[in-house]
Amino acid sequence: MDTTITLLIFQTLTAFLNIYLVLIFVRILLSWFQSAEWAMNAMSFLSPITDPYLNIFRSIIPPLGGIDFSAILAIFALQFVARMLASLAPVSTGF
């Protein structure tokens, strides 16, 4: 029973990180279309969700020449954490 609960927690955290990763990708892609009103509406929804995490990396790597390379580091860090969680999860033995 403990293994089942632990596995569920690890799977939930991994799924959350993967969804958050998709939100960051969408936020980055939408930043290319800042003149479009539909993109600004979506960014106004995503910015409060993704910017606190991205700001951590923006303080480490400032934008260079108008290009924000900190997002790449943020994505790599998030993928690293997701993979570490997946590798630490107990192996499911089935039903």
PDB file of N, CA and C in Angstrom:
ATOM      1  N   MET A   1       0.829  -1.191   0.000  1.00  0.00           N
ATOM      2  CA  MET A   1       0.000   0.000   0.000  1.00  0.00           C
ATOM      3  C   MET A   1       0.875   1.258   0.000  1.00  0.00           C
ATOM      4  N   ASP A   2       1.939   1.278   0.800  1.00  0.00           N
ATOM      5  CA  ASP A   2       2.829   2.436   0.832  1.00  0.00           C
ATOM      6  C   ASP A   2       3.465   2.684  -0.521  1.00  0.00           C
ATOM      7  N   THR A   3       3.836   1.609  -1.208  1.00  0.00           N
ATOM      8  CA  THR A   3       4.455   1.746  -2.521  1.00  0.00           C
ATOM      9  C   THR A   3       3.476   2.355  -3.515  1.00  0.00           C
ATOM     10  N   THR A   4       2.222   1.992  -3.418  1.00  0.00           N
ATOM     11  CA  THR A   4       1.202   2.526  -4.322  1.00  0.00           C
ATOM     12  C   THR A   4       1.023   4.020  -4.110  1.00  0.00           C
ATOM     13  N   ILE A   5       0.965   4.439  -2.874  1.00  0.00           N
ATOM     14  CA  ILE A   5       0.807   5.868  -2.571  1.00  0.00           C
ATOM     15  C   ILE A   5       2.040   6.650  -3.001  1.00  0.00           C
ATOM     16  N   THR A   6       3.200   6.112  -2.726  1.00  0.00           N
ATOM     17  CA  THR A   6       4.441   6.770  -3.126  1.00  0.00           C
ATOM     18  C   THR A   6       4.532   6.878  -4.639  1.00  0.00           C
ATOM     19  N   LEU A   7       4.173   5.822  -5.345  1.00  0.00           N
ATOM     20  CA  LEU A   7       4.182   5.834  -6.799  1.00  0.00           C
ATOM     21  C   LEU A   7       3.204   6.873  -7.335  1.00  0.00           C
ATOM     22  N   LEU A   8       2.040   6.961  -6.735  1.00  0.00           N
ATOM     23  CA  LEU A   8       1.043   7.954  -7.154  1.00  0.00           C
ATOM     24  C   LEU A   8       1.551   9.375  -6.946  1.00  0.00           C
ATOM     25  N   ILE A   9       2.225   9.617  -5.840  1.00  0.00           N
ATOM     26  CA  ILE A   9       2.790  10.946  -5.568  1.00  0.00           C
ATOM     27  C   ILE A   9       3.861  11.293  -6.590  1.00  0.00           C
ATOM     28  N   PHE A  10       4.757  10.366  -6.872  1.00  0.00           N
ATOM     29  CA  PHE A  10       5.812  10.614  -7.858  1.00  0.00           C
ATOM     30  C   PHE A  10       5.224  10.840  -9.248  1.00  0.00           C
ATOM     31  N   GLN A  11       4.237  10.044  -9.625  1.00  0.00           N
ATOM     32  CA  GLN A  11       3.614  10.206 -10.937  1.00  0.00           C
ATOM     33  C   GLN A  11       2.876  11.536 -11.042  1.00  0.00           C
ATOM     34  N   THR A  12       2.226  11.954  -9.969  1.00  0.00           N
ATOM     35  CA  THR A  12       1.512  13.228  -9.968  1.00  0.00           C
ATOM     36  C   THR A  12       2.484  14.393 -10.085  1.00  0.00           C
ATOM     37  N   LEU A  13       3.569  14.352  -9.327  1.00  0.00           N
ATOM     38  CA  LEU A  13       4.576  15.412  -9.411  1.00  0.00           C
ATOM     39  C   LEU A  13       5.219  15.476 -10.793  1.00  0.00           C
ATOM     40  N   THR A  14       5.510  14.321 -11.366  1.00  0.00           N
ATOM     41  CA  THR A  14       6.098  14.280 -12.705  1.00  0.00           C
ATOM     42  C   THR A  14       5.117  14.828 -13.738  1.00  0.00           C
ATOM     43  N   ALA A  15       3.854  14.477 -13.622  1.00  0.00           N
ATOM     44  CA  ALA A  15       2.846  14.998 -14.549  1.00  0.00           C
ATOM     45  C   ALA A  15       2.699  16.512 -14.396  1.00  0.00           C
ATOM     46  N   PHE A  16       2.716  16.998 -13.160  1.00  0.00           N
ATOM     47  CA  PHE A  16       2.632  18.438 -12.925  1.00  0.00           C
ATOM     48  C   PHE A  16       3.811  19.162 -13.574  1.00  0.00           C
ATOM     49  N   LEU A  17       5.010  18.633 -13.400  1.00  0.00           N
ATOM     50  CA  LEU A  17       6.189  19.257 -13.989  1.00  0.00           C
ATOM     51  C   LEU A  17       6.120  19.251 -15.514  1.00  0.00           C
ATOM     52  N   ASN A  18       5.608  18.180 -16.091  1.00  0.00           N
ATOM     53  CA  ASN A  18       5.476  18.123 -17.546  1.00  0.00           C
ATOM     54  C   ASN A  18       4.439  19.127 -18.058  1.00  0.00           C
ATOM     55  N   ILE A  19       3.339  19.286 -17.350  1.00  0.00           N
ATOM     56  CA  ILE A  19       2.335  20.285 -17.729  1.00  0.00           C
ATOM     57  C   ILE A  19       2.910  21.682 -17.589  1.00  0.00           C
ATOM     58  N   TYR A  20       3.644  21.922 -16.522  1.00  0.00           N
ATOM     59  CA  TYR A  20       4.263  23.227 -16.314  1.00  0.00           C
ATOM     60  C   TYR A  20       5.292  23.519 -17.406  1.00  0.00           C
ATOM     61  N   LEU A  21       5.981  22.502 -17.849  1.00  0.00           N
ATOM     62  CA  LEU A  21       6.945  22.655 -18.934  1.00  0.00           C
ATOM     63  C   LEU A  21       6.238  23.080 -20.220  1.00  0.00           C
ATOM     64  N   VAL A  22       5.101  22.484 -20.496  1.00  0.00           N
ATOM     65  CA  VAL A  22       4.320  22.865 -21.680  1.00  0.00           C
ATOM     66  C   VAL A  22       3.856  24.312 -21.555  1.00  0.00           C
ATOM     67  N   LEU A  23       3.416  24.721 -20.373  1.00  0.00           N
ATOM     68  CA  LEU A  23       2.997  26.111 -20.171  1.00  0.00           C
ATOM     69  C   LEU A  23       4.149  27.089 -20.413  1.00  0.00           C
ATOM     70  N   ILE A  24       5.338  26.715 -19.998  1.00  0.00           N
ATOM     71  CA  ILE A  24       6.509  27.573 -20.234  1.00  0.00           C
ATOM     72  C   ILE A  24       6.808  27.657 -21.729  1.00  0.00           C
ATOM     73  N   PHE A  25       6.734  26.532 -22.432  1.00  0.00           N
ATOM     74  CA  PHE A  25       6.946  26.554 -23.878  1.00  0.00           C
ATOM     75  C   PHE A  25       5.926  27.452 -24.572  1.00  0.00           C
ATOM     76  N   VAL A  26       4.662  27.332 -24.189  1.00  0.00           N
ATOM     77  CA  VAL A  26       3.619  28.163 -24.792  1.00  0.00           C
ATOM     78  C   VAL A  26       3.881  29.631 -24.488  1.00  0.00           C
ATOM     79  N   ARG A  27       4.272  29.924 -23.257  1.00  0.00           N
ATOM     80  CA  ARG A  27       4.574  31.313 -22.865  1.00  0.00           C
ATOM     81  C   ARG A  27       5.722  31.876 -23.700  1.00  0.00           C
ATOM     82  N   ILE A  28       6.747  31.087 -23.929  1.00  0.00           N
ATOM     83  CA  ILE A  28       7.891  31.535 -24.724  1.00  0.00           C
ATOM     84  C   ILE A  28       7.476  31.760 -26.177  1.00  0.00           C
ATOM     85  N   LEU A  29       6.706  30.835 -26.733  1.00  0.00           N
ATOM     86  CA  LEU A  29       6.261  30.996 -28.114  1.00  0.00           C
ATOM     87  C   LEU A  29       5.345  32.209 -28.282  1.00  0.00           C
ATOM     88  N   LEU A  30       4.497  32.450 -27.319  1.00  0.00           N
ATOM     89  CA  LEU A  30       3.597  33.604 -27.397  1.00  0.00           C
ATOM     90  C   LEU A  30       4.344  34.926 -27.308  1.00  0.00           C
ATOM     91  N   SER A  31       5.509  34.915 -26.694  1.00  0.00           N
ATOM     92  CA  SER A  31       6.272  36.162 -26.589  1.00  0.00           C
ATOM     93  C   SER A  31       6.769  36.624 -27.959  1.00  0.00           C
ATOM     94  N   TRP A  32       6.779  35.744 -28.942  1.00  0.00           N
ATOM     95  CA  TRP A  32       7.182  36.119 -30.298  1.00  0.00           C
ATOM     96  C   TRP A  32       6.072  36.886 -31.017  1.00  0.00           C
ATOM     97  N   PHE A  33       4.841  36.794 -30.535  1.00  0.00           N
ATOM     98  CA  PHE A  33       3.685  37.430 -31.186  1.00  0.00           C
ATOM     99  C   PHE A  33       3.089  38.516 -30.298  1.00  0.00           C
ATOM    100  N   GLN A  34       3.911  39.374 -29.775  1.00  0.00           N
ATOM    101  CA  GLN A  34       3.451  40.382 -28.822  1.00  0.00           C
ATOM    102  C   GLN A  34       2.511  41.406 -29.439  1.00  0.00           C
ATOM    103  N   SER A  35       2.554  41.572 -30.746  1.00  0.00           N
ATOM    104  CA  SER A  35       1.669  42.559 -31.367  1.00  0.00           C
ATOM    105  C   SER A  35       0.258  42.024 -31.585  1.00  0.00           C
ATOM    106  N   ALA A  36       0.071  40.719 -31.520  1.00  0.00           N
ATOM    107  CA  ALA A  36      -1.249  40.126 -31.708  1.00  0.00           C
ATOM    108  C   ALA A  36      -2.041  40.181 -30.400  1.00  0.00           C
ATOM    109  N   GLU A  37      -3.288  40.605 -30.511  1.00  0.00           N
ATOM    110  CA  GLU A  37      -4.116  40.741 -29.313  1.00  0.00           C
ATOM    111  C   GLU A  37      -4.402  39.393 -28.665  1.00  0.00           C
ATOM    112  N   TRP A  38      -4.612  38.356 -29.484  1.00  0.00           N
ATOM    113  CA  TRP A  38      -4.901  37.036 -28.936  1.00  0.00           C
ATOM    114  C   TRP A  38      -3.715  36.500 -28.132  1.00  0.00           C
ATOM    115  N   ALA A  39      -2.501  36.837 -28.590  1.00  0.00           N
ATOM    116  CA  ALA A  39      -1.310  36.388 -27.869  1.00  0.00           C
ATOM    117  C   ALA A  39      -1.179  37.122 -26.539  1.00  0.00           C
ATOM    118  N   MET A  40      -1.505  38.391 -26.547  1.00  0.00           N
ATOM    119  CA  MET A  40      -1.428  39.161 -25.299  1.00  0.00           C
ATOM    120  C   MET A  40      -2.449  38.662 -24.278  1.00  0.00           C
ATOM    121  N   ASN A  41      -3.630  38.273 -24.741  1.00  0.00           N
ATOM    122  CA  ASN A  41      -4.641  37.728 -23.828  1.00  0.00           C
ATOM    123  C   ASN A  41      -4.149  36.429 -23.189  1.00  0.00           C
ATOM    124  N   ALA A  42      -3.553  35.575 -23.993  1.00  0.00           N
ATOM    125  CA  ALA A  42      -3.033  34.313 -23.466  1.00  0.00           C
ATOM    126  C   ALA A  42      -1.846  34.560 -22.544  1.00  0.00           C
ATOM    127  N   MET A  43      -0.985  35.515 -22.917  1.00  0.00           N
ATOM    128  CA  MET A  43       0.182  35.811 -22.072  1.00  0.00           C
ATOM    129  C   MET A  43      -0.235  36.418 -20.738  1.00  0.00           C
ATOM    130  N   SER A  44      -1.310  37.215 -20.742  1.00  0.00           N
ATOM    131  CA  SER A  44      -1.763  37.788 -19.473  1.00  0.00           C
ATOM    132  C   SER A  44      -2.267  36.698 -18.529  1.00  0.00           C
ATOM    133  N   PHE A  45      -2.707  35.573 -19.091  1.00  0.00           N
ATOM    134  CA  PHE A  45      -3.108  34.431 -18.262  1.00  0.00           C
ATOM    135  C   PHE A  45      -1.896  33.626 -17.806  1.00  0.00           C
ATOM    136  N   LEU A  46      -0.929  33.411 -18.709  1.00  0.00           N
ATOM    137  CA  LEU A  46       0.216  32.551 -18.406  1.00  0.00           C
ATOM    138  C   LEU A  46       1.315  33.244 -17.612  1.00  0.00           C
ATOM    139  N   SER A  47       1.478  34.532 -17.774  1.00  0.00           N
ATOM    140  CA  SER A  47       2.572  35.244 -17.105  1.00  0.00           C
ATOM    141  C   SER A  47       2.581  35.081 -15.587  1.00  0.00           C
ATOM    142  N   PRO A  48       1.449  35.260 -14.905  1.00  0.00           N
ATOM    143  CA  PRO A  48       1.504  35.069 -13.446  1.00  0.00           C
ATOM    144  C   PRO A  48       1.838  33.643 -13.020  1.00  0.00           C
ATOM    145  N   ILE A  49       1.606  32.681 -13.907  1.00  0.00           N
ATOM    146  CA  ILE A  49       1.881  31.284 -13.588  1.00  0.00           C
ATOM    147  C   ILE A  49       3.347  30.936 -13.838  1.00  0.00           C
ATOM    148  N   THR A  50       3.905  31.419 -14.951  1.00  0.00           N
ATOM    149  CA  THR A  50       5.236  30.999 -15.357  1.00  0.00           C
ATOM    150  C   THR A  50       6.342  31.983 -14.987  1.00  0.00           C
ATOM    151  N   ASP A  51       6.032  33.260 -14.904  1.00  0.00           N
ATOM    152  CA  ASP A  51       7.082  34.254 -14.666  1.00  0.00           C
ATOM    153  C   ASP A  51       7.803  34.119 -13.322  1.00  0.00           C
ATOM    154  N   PRO A  52       7.139  33.744 -12.240  1.00  0.00           N
ATOM    155  CA  PRO A  52       7.929  33.577 -10.997  1.00  0.00           C
ATOM    156  C   PRO A  52       9.058  32.565 -11.140  1.00  0.00           C
ATOM    157  N   TYR A  53       8.802  31.471 -11.836  1.00  0.00           N
ATOM    158  CA  TYR A  53       9.856  30.474 -12.062  1.00  0.00           C
ATOM    159  C   TYR A  53      10.905  31.010 -13.027  1.00  0.00           C
ATOM    160  N   LEU A  54      10.470  31.628 -14.113  1.00  0.00           N
ATOM    161  CA  LEU A  54      11.412  32.152 -15.104  1.00  0.00           C
ATOM    162  C   LEU A  54      12.253  33.292 -14.538  1.00  0.00           C
ATOM    163  N   ASN A  55      11.693  34.077 -13.635  1.00  0.00           N
ATOM    164  CA  ASN A  55      12.438  35.200 -13.051  1.00  0.00           C
ATOM    165  C   ASN A  55      13.639  34.741 -12.230  1.00  0.00           C
ATOM    166  N   ILE A  56      13.562  33.548 -11.680  1.00  0.00           N
ATOM    167  CA  ILE A  56      14.709  33.001 -10.944  1.00  0.00           C
ATOM    168  C   ILE A  56      15.907  32.904 -11.878  1.00  0.00           C
ATOM    169  N   PHE A  57      15.681  32.438 -13.085  1.00  0.00           N
ATOM    170  CA  PHE A  57      16.768  32.256 -14.042  1.00  0.00           C
ATOM    171  C   PHE A  57      17.133  33.558 -14.750  1.00  0.00           C
ATOM    172  N   ARG A  58      16.173  34.484 -14.842  1.00  0.00           N
ATOM    173  CA  ARG A  58      16.482  35.790 -15.425  1.00  0.00           C
ATOM    174  C   ARG A  58      17.433  36.577 -14.527  1.00  0.00           C
ATOM    175  N   SER A  59      17.383  36.323 -13.228  1.00  0.00           N
ATOM    176  CA  SER A  59      18.314  37.003 -12.327  1.00  0.00           C
ATOM    177  C   SER A  59      19.730  36.430 -12.464  1.00  0.00           C
ATOM    178  N   ILE A  60      19.838  35.190 -12.951  1.00  0.00           N
ATOM    179  CA  ILE A  60      21.141  34.564 -13.153  1.00  0.00           C
ATOM    180  C   ILE A  60      21.723  34.960 -14.506  1.00  0.00           C
ATOM    181  N   ILE A  61      20.888  34.884 -15.554  1.00  0.00           N
ATOM    182  CA  ILE A  61      21.328  35.205 -16.921  1.00  0.00           C
ATOM    183  C   ILE A  61      20.446  36.331 -17.453  1.00  0.00           C
ATOM    184  N   PRO A  62      20.949  37.557 -17.500  1.00  0.00           N
ATOM    185  CA  PRO A  62      20.128  38.653 -18.047  1.00  0.00           C
ATOM    186  C   PRO A  62      19.987  38.515 -19.561  1.00  0.00           C
ATOM    187  N   PRO A  63      18.927  39.106 -20.138  1.00  0.00           N
ATOM    188  CA  PRO A  63      18.760  39.050 -21.602  1.00  0.00           C
ATOM    189  C   PRO A  63      19.952  39.686 -22.319  1.00  0.00           C
ATOM    190  N   LEU A  64      20.404  39.029 -23.369  1.00  0.00           N
ATOM    191  CA  LEU A  64      21.539  39.509 -24.154  1.00  0.00           C
ATOM    192  C   LEU A  64      21.048  39.886 -25.547  1.00  0.00           C
ATOM    193  N   GLY A  65      21.153  41.161 -25.896  1.00  0.00           N
ATOM    194  CA  GLY A  65      20.728  41.610 -27.214  1.00  0.00           C
ATOM    195  C   GLY A  65      19.252  41.414 -27.474  1.00  0.00           C
ATOM    196  N   GLY A  66      18.434  41.495 -26.440  1.00  0.00           N
ATOM    197  CA  GLY A  66      16.998  41.313 -26.592  1.00  0.00           C
ATOM    198  C   GLY A  66      16.541  39.866 -26.606  1.00  0.00           C
ATOM    199  N   ILE A  67      17.467  38.941 -26.451  1.00  0.00           N
ATOM    200  CA  ILE A  67      17.113  37.519 -26.441  1.00  0.00           C
ATOM    201  C   ILE A  67      17.276  36.985 -25.024  1.00  0.00           C
ATOM    202  N   ASP A  68      16.238  36.335 -24.547  1.00  0.00           N
ATOM    203  CA  ASP A  68      16.220  35.823 -23.178  1.00  0.00           C
ATOM    204  C   ASP A  68      16.682  34.364 -23.172  1.00  0.00           C
ATOM    205  N   PHE A  69      17.952  34.145 -22.901  1.00  0.00           N
ATOM    206  CA  PHE A  69      18.502  32.790 -22.854  1.00  0.00           C
ATOM    207  C   PHE A  69      18.202  32.089 -21.529  1.00  0.00           C
ATOM    208  N   SER A  70      17.720  32.826 -20.548  1.00  0.00           N
ATOM    209  CA  SER A  70      17.438  32.215 -19.249  1.00  0.00           C
ATOM    210  C   SER A  70      16.315  31.187 -19.338  1.00  0.00           C
ATOM    211  N   ALA A  71      15.431  31.339 -20.305  1.00  0.00           N
ATOM    212  CA  ALA A  71      14.340  30.380 -20.458  1.00  0.00           C
ATOM    213  C   ALA A  71      14.876  28.995 -20.816  1.00  0.00           C
ATOM    214  N   ILE A  72      15.962  28.955 -21.579  1.00  0.00           N
ATOM    215  CA  ILE A  72      16.558  27.670 -21.940  1.00  0.00           C
ATOM    216  C   ILE A  72      17.079  26.971 -20.683  1.00  0.00           C
ATOM    217  N   LEU A  73      17.750  27.721 -19.829  1.00  0.00           N
ATOM    218  CA  LEU A  73      18.251  27.160 -18.574  1.00  0.00           C
ATOM    219  C   LEU A  73      17.095  26.711 -17.681  1.00  0.00           C
ATOM    220  N   ALA A  74      16.024  27.491 -17.655  1.00  0.00           N
ATOM    221  CA  ALA A  74      14.855  27.140 -16.850  1.00  0.00           C
ATOM    222  C   ALA A  74      14.222  25.839 -17.335  1.00  0.00           C
ATOM    223  N   ILE A  75      14.145  25.663 -18.649  1.00  0.00           N
ATOM    224  CA  ILE A  75      13.571  24.439 -19.215  1.00  0.00           C
ATOM    225  C   ILE A  75      14.462  23.243 -18.897  1.00  0.00           C
ATOM    226  N   PHE A  76      15.770  23.395 -19.061  1.00  0.00           N
ATOM    227  CA  PHE A  76      16.688  22.293 -18.737  1.00  0.00           C
ATOM    228  C   PHE A  76      16.592  21.907 -17.260  1.00  0.00           C
ATOM    229  N   ALA A  77      16.504  22.884 -16.384  1.00  0.00           N
ATOM    230  CA  ALA A  77      16.399  22.601 -14.955  1.00  0.00           C
ATOM    231  C   ALA A  77      15.104  21.854 -14.632  1.00  0.00           C
ATOM    232  N   LEU A  78      14.014  22.276 -15.244  1.00  0.00           N
ATOM    233  CA  LEU A  78      12.734  21.624 -15.007  1.00  0.00           C
ATOM    234  C   LEU A  78      12.739  20.191 -15.543  1.00  0.00           C
ATOM    235  N   GLN A  79      13.331  19.988 -16.709  1.00  0.00           N
ATOM    236  CA  GLN A  79      13.438  18.637 -17.250  1.00  0.00           C
ATOM    237  C   GLN A  79      14.327  17.756 -16.373  1.00  0.00           C
ATOM    238  N   PHE A  80      15.391  18.314 -15.844  1.00  0.00           N
ATOM    239  CA  PHE A  80      16.282  17.568 -14.962  1.00  0.00           C
ATOM    240  C   PHE A  80      15.540  17.107 -13.711  1.00  0.00           C
ATOM    241  N   VAL A  81      14.779  17.999 -13.112  1.00  0.00           N
ATOM    242  CA  VAL A  81      14.029  17.650 -11.904  1.00  0.00           C
ATOM    243  C   VAL A  81      12.978  16.591 -12.217  1.00  0.00           C
ATOM    244  N   ALA A  82      12.291  16.734 -13.346  1.00  0.00           N
ATOM    245  CA  ALA A  82      11.273  15.745 -13.729  1.00  0.00           C
ATOM    246  C   ALA A  82      11.902  14.371 -13.942  1.00  0.00           C
ATOM    247  N   ARG A  83      13.068  14.334 -14.572  1.00  0.00           N
ATOM    248  CA  ARG A  83      13.736  13.045 -14.792  1.00  0.00           C
ATOM    249  C   ARG A  83      14.248  12.445 -13.492  1.00  0.00           C
ATOM    250  N   MET A  84      14.721  13.286 -12.594  1.00  0.00           N
ATOM    251  CA  MET A  84      15.168  12.782 -11.293  1.00  0.00           C
ATOM    252  C   MET A  84      13.997  12.181 -10.524  1.00  0.00           C
ATOM    253  N   LEU A  85      12.854  12.847 -10.556  1.00  0.00           N
ATOM    254  CA  LEU A  85      11.667  12.301  -9.883  1.00  0.00           C
ATOM    255  C   LEU A  85      11.250  10.981 -10.503  1.00  0.00           C
ATOM    256  N   ALA A  86      11.285  10.916 -11.822  1.00  0.00           N
ATOM    257  CA  ALA A  86      10.894   9.680 -12.505  1.00  0.00           C
ATOM    258  C   ALA A  86      11.854   8.541 -12.172  1.00  0.00           C
ATOM    259  N   SER A  87      13.140   8.849 -12.035  1.00  0.00           N
ATOM    260  CA  SER A  87      14.102   7.795 -11.720  1.00  0.00           C
ATOM    261  C   SER A  87      14.034   7.361 -10.261  1.00  0.00           C
ATOM    262  N   LEU A  88      13.586   8.256  -9.399  1.00  0.00           N
ATOM    263  CA  LEU A  88      13.488   7.914  -7.973  1.00  0.00           C
ATOM    264  C   LEU A  88      12.188   7.210  -7.626  1.00  0.00           C
ATOM    265  N   ALA A  89      11.221   7.243  -8.529  1.00  0.00           N
ATOM    266  CA  ALA A  89       9.921   6.627  -8.252  1.00  0.00           C
ATOM    267  C   ALA A  89      10.073   5.117  -8.102  1.00  0.00           C
ATOM    268  N   PRO A  90       9.332   4.555  -7.178  1.00  0.00           N
ATOM    269  CA  PRO A  90       9.387   3.093  -7.016  1.00  0.00           C
ATOM    270  C   PRO A  90       8.806   2.408  -8.260  1.00  0.00           C
ATOM    271  N   VAL A  91       9.271   1.214  -8.527  1.00  0.00           N
ATOM    272  CA  VAL A  91       8.813   0.466  -9.688  1.00  0.00           C
ATOM    273  C   VAL A  91       7.443  -0.115  -9.412  1.00  0.00           C
ATOM    274  N   SER A  92       6.533   0.083 -10.357  1.00  0.00           N
ATOM    275  CA  SER A  92       5.189  -0.459 -10.213  1.00  0.00           C
ATOM    276  C   SER A  92       5.227  -1.979 -10.455  1.00  0.00           C
ATOM    277  N   THR A  93       4.596  -2.730  -9.579  1.00  0.00           N
ATOM    278  CA  THR A  93       4.588  -4.182  -9.713  1.00  0.00           C
ATOM    279  C   THR A  93       3.320  -4.668 -10.396  1.00  0.00           C
ATOM    280  N   GLY A  94       2.460  -3.763 -10.799  1.00  0.00           N
ATOM    281  CA  GLY A  94       1.221  -4.167 -11.478  1.00  0.00           C
ATOM    282  C   GLY A  94       0.087  -4.266 -10.481  1.00  0.00           C
ATOM    283  N   PHE A  95      -0.943  -4.999 -10.877  1.00  0.00           N
ATOM    284  CA  PHE A  95      -2.149  -5.084 -10.052  1.00  0.00           C
ATOM    285  C   PHE A  95      -2.061  -6.180  -9.058  1.00  0.00           C
TER     286      PHE A  95
END
